[in-house]
Protein backbone atom coordinates (compact mmCIF):
# COMPACT_ATOMS: atom_id res chain seq x y z
CA MET A 1 -5.77 -26.04 -16.66
CA LEU A 2 -5.40 -29.83 -16.38
CA LEU A 3 -2.44 -29.48 -14.05
CA GLY A 4 -4.54 -27.37 -11.68
CA PHE A 5 -7.23 -30.06 -11.69
CA PHE A 6 -4.65 -32.77 -10.99
CA ASP A 7 -3.13 -30.66 -8.19
CA TRP A 8 -6.61 -30.44 -6.65
CA LEU A 9 -7.23 -34.16 -7.22
CA ALA A 10 -4.05 -34.98 -5.27
CA THR A 11 -5.50 -33.17 -2.24
CA THR A 12 -8.67 -35.28 -2.11
CA PRO A 13 -8.93 -37.71 0.81
CA GLY A 14 -9.01 -40.78 -1.46
CA SER A 15 -5.85 -39.78 -3.30
CA ILE A 16 -4.01 -39.00 -0.08
CA ALA A 17 -5.16 -42.25 1.54
CA LEU A 18 -4.12 -44.34 -1.45
CA HIS A 19 -0.78 -42.59 -1.81
CA GLU A 20 0.08 -42.82 1.88
CA SER A 21 -1.32 -46.28 2.55
CA LEU A 22 1.16 -48.91 3.60
CA TYR A 23 -0.60 -51.68 1.68
CA ALA A 24 -3.30 -50.32 -0.66
CA TYR A 25 -0.95 -48.75 -3.20
CA ARG A 26 1.17 -51.91 -3.33
CA ILE A 27 -1.90 -54.10 -3.77
CA VAL A 28 -3.25 -51.90 -6.58
CA SER A 29 0.19 -51.89 -8.22
CA THR A 30 0.35 -55.68 -8.02
CA VAL A 31 -3.14 -56.03 -9.48
CA HIS A 32 -2.08 -53.70 -12.30
CA VAL A 33 1.00 -55.77 -13.15
CA VAL A 34 -0.85 -59.11 -12.94
CA THR A 35 -3.78 -57.96 -15.08
CA LEU A 36 -1.38 -56.28 -17.50
CA SER A 37 0.30 -59.67 -17.85
CA VAL A 38 -3.01 -61.40 -18.51
CA PHE A 39 -4.12 -58.79 -21.01
CA VAL A 40 -0.85 -58.43 -22.89
CA GLY A 41 -0.25 -62.17 -22.82
CA THR A 42 -3.58 -62.98 -24.42
CA ALA A 43 -3.39 -60.04 -26.83
CA ALA A 44 0.14 -61.11 -27.82
CA MET A 45 -1.09 -64.63 -28.57
CA LEU A 46 -3.69 -63.23 -30.95
CA ASP A 47 -1.20 -60.79 -32.47
CA LEU A 48 1.32 -63.58 -33.02
CA ARG A 49 -1.41 -65.59 -34.74
CA LEU A 50 -2.16 -62.57 -36.93
CA LEU A 51 1.53 -62.48 -37.81
CA GLY A 52 1.36 -66.17 -38.75
CA VAL A 53 4.01 -67.06 -36.16
CA THR A 54 2.05 -69.29 -33.76
CA LEU A 55 -1.06 -71.49 -33.76
CA ARG A 56 -0.94 -71.62 -37.56
CA SER A 57 -3.30 -74.60 -37.72
CA VAL A 58 -5.97 -72.88 -35.61
CA PRO A 59 -8.38 -70.46 -37.31
CA VAL A 60 -7.83 -66.84 -36.27
CA SER A 61 -11.51 -66.56 -35.31
CA GLU A 62 -11.12 -69.51 -32.90
CA VAL A 63 -8.03 -68.01 -31.27
CA ALA A 64 -9.84 -64.68 -30.87
CA ARG A 65 -13.01 -66.31 -29.52
CA ARG A 66 -11.18 -68.35 -26.90
CA LEU A 67 -8.95 -65.52 -25.71
CA ARG A 68 -11.59 -62.77 -25.70
CA PRO A 69 -12.96 -63.30 -22.15
CA TRP A 70 -9.47 -63.29 -20.64
CA THR A 71 -8.38 -60.34 -22.75
CA VAL A 72 -11.44 -58.27 -21.82
CA ALA A 73 -11.18 -59.12 -18.10
CA GLY A 74 -7.46 -58.31 -18.08
CA PHE A 75 -8.05 -55.04 -19.92
CA VAL A 76 -10.87 -53.85 -17.63
CA LEU A 77 -8.94 -54.61 -14.43
CA MET A 78 -5.70 -53.22 -15.88
CA ILE A 79 -7.37 -49.91 -16.78
CA ALA A 80 -9.16 -49.69 -13.41
CA SER A 81 -5.99 -50.37 -11.42
CA GLY A 82 -4.00 -48.01 -13.66
CA ALA A 83 -6.54 -45.26 -13.03
CA LEU A 84 -6.15 -45.82 -9.28
CA LEU A 85 -2.36 -45.62 -9.57
CA PHE A 86 -2.73 -42.33 -11.43
CA TYR A 87 -5.24 -41.08 -8.82
CA ALA A 88 -2.75 -41.80 -6.05
CA ASN A 89 -0.24 -39.30 -7.46
CA PRO A 90 -1.83 -37.39 -10.35
CA SER A 91 0.31 -34.27 -10.83
CA PRO A 92 3.71 -35.99 -11.02
CA ARG A 93 2.24 -38.65 -13.31
CA TYR A 94 0.67 -36.06 -15.57
CA GLN A 95 4.03 -34.29 -15.85
CA ASN A 96 6.01 -37.47 -16.51
CA ILE A 97 7.32 -37.91 -20.05
CA PHE A 98 7.11 -41.71 -19.78
CA PHE A 99 3.51 -41.58 -18.55
CA ARG A 100 2.62 -39.33 -21.47
CA ALA A 101 4.37 -41.68 -23.91
CA LYS A 102 2.49 -44.64 -22.40
CA MET A 103 -0.86 -42.86 -22.76
CA ALA A 104 -0.09 -41.86 -26.36
CA MET A 105 0.76 -45.48 -27.19
CA LEU A 106 -2.40 -46.66 -25.41
CA VAL A 107 -4.47 -44.38 -27.64
CA LEU A 108 -2.64 -45.64 -30.74
CA ALA A 109 -3.14 -49.26 -29.65
CA GLY A 110 -6.85 -48.56 -29.16
CA ILE A 111 -7.10 -47.08 -32.64
CA ASN A 112 -5.22 -50.07 -34.06
CA ALA A 113 -7.57 -52.51 -32.27
CA TRP A 114 -10.61 -50.59 -33.50
CA LEU A 115 -9.30 -50.69 -37.07
CA VAL A 116 -8.59 -54.42 -36.79
CA HIS A 117 -12.14 -55.12 -35.63
CA ARG A 118 -13.61 -52.73 -38.17
CA LYS A 119 -11.51 -53.44 -41.27
CA VAL A 120 -9.53 -56.68 -40.87
CA PHE A 121 -11.78 -59.10 -38.96
CA PRO A 122 -14.91 -58.56 -41.11
CA ARG A 123 -12.99 -60.17 -44.00
CA ALA A 124 -11.47 -62.92 -41.84
CA ALA A 125 -13.74 -65.59 -43.38
CA GLU A 126 -11.62 -65.29 -46.55
CA TRP A 127 -8.35 -66.11 -44.75
CA ASP A 128 -9.39 -67.48 -41.34
CA ASN A 129 -7.73 -70.88 -41.89
CA ASP A 130 -4.65 -69.59 -43.73
CA PRO A 131 -1.44 -70.26 -41.79
CA VAL A 132 -0.23 -66.75 -42.67
CA PRO A 133 -2.93 -64.04 -42.73
CA PRO A 134 -2.92 -61.20 -45.26
CA ARG A 135 -0.56 -58.25 -44.98
CA SER A 136 -3.14 -55.97 -43.30
CA ALA A 137 -3.63 -58.47 -40.46
CA ARG A 138 0.11 -59.03 -40.09
CA ARG A 139 0.74 -55.29 -40.04
CA ALA A 140 -1.92 -54.76 -37.36
CA GLY A 141 -0.56 -57.62 -35.23
CA GLY A 142 3.01 -56.35 -35.50
CA LEU A 143 2.00 -52.80 -34.67
CA ALA A 144 0.02 -53.98 -31.64
CA LEU A 145 2.99 -55.98 -30.33
CA ALA A 146 5.32 -52.99 -30.79
CA LEU A 147 2.90 -50.62 -29.05
CA TRP A 148 2.37 -52.95 -26.09
CA ALA A 149 6.12 -53.47 -25.72
CA GLY A 150 6.59 -49.69 -25.79
CA MET A 151 3.83 -49.19 -23.22
CA ILE A 152 5.37 -51.75 -20.87
CA VAL A 153 8.80 -50.12 -21.11
CA SER A 154 7.30 -46.64 -20.69
CA GLY A 155 5.18 -47.80 -17.75
CA ARG A 156 8.22 -49.22 -16.03
CA MET A 157 10.17 -46.01 -16.65
CA ILE A 158 7.49 -43.87 -14.94
CA ALA A 159 9.05 -44.72 -11.57
CA TYR A 160 12.38 -43.16 -12.51
CA ASP A 161 12.49 -39.37 -12.30
CA TRP A 162 15.08 -38.75 -14.99
CA PHE A 163 13.17 -35.66 -15.93
CA ASP A 164 11.35 -33.70 -13.27
CA CYS A 165 9.65 -30.35 -13.66
CA GLY A 166 10.97 -29.42 -10.23
CA ARG A 167 14.57 -29.76 -11.40
CA GLN A 168 15.32 -26.85 -13.69
CA PRO A 169 16.92 -26.00 -15.98
CA GLN A 170 15.99 -28.77 -18.38
CA PRO A 171 16.07 -28.71 -22.16
CA ALA A 172 13.10 -26.82 -23.58
CA ILE A 173 11.90 -29.93 -25.45
CA ILE A 174 11.68 -31.88 -22.16
CA ASN A 175 9.74 -29.05 -20.51
CA LEU A 176 7.37 -29.00 -23.47
CA LEU A 177 6.86 -32.79 -23.56
CA GLU A 178 6.30 -32.96 -19.80
CA GLY A 179 4.08 -29.90 -19.64
CA CYS A 180 6.41 -28.19 -17.20
CA LEU A 181 5.57 -24.67 -16.21
CA THR A 182 8.90 -22.88 -16.03
CA GLU A 183 7.28 -19.72 -14.71
CA PRO A 184 5.39 -19.54 -11.39
CA ARG A 185 1.66 -20.34 -11.51
């Protein structure tokens, strides 16, 4: 069902124009990488503070407050440019194991961030000035760093067609993970 929608989406004038444009796709891709760098860089600084590795003399709340505008701006532009990159070539992206891994990690990172803001930061007044935050904060920071590293690697791997639904036979697990239809639609 989703694949049919993405096949249709690829035939829309905007998708075709973006995919076939000499400059637009490259510009959007560049914006995506630059804003990814801003977002992940600022998020990593906060996560490293949560781990107690950097900025140990600065309260966690101060680090978060100062980085928040850059982190939010980077995130919004990164998601918007990523959506445009997906729109430019939706079906092959949807059926790409690395794209799917990246999206799964993005969801997990979002859940982790939500839990941090819901469970860890409300008690930050108790440990805000501690050079090494409590285990829950360190765990959340470490998990976030691991997920972002995994997303960056997966995002980079999207460009390489190691597994392609059009090249059969493939192992059944690959077909399953990519959502390949091995029988005609």
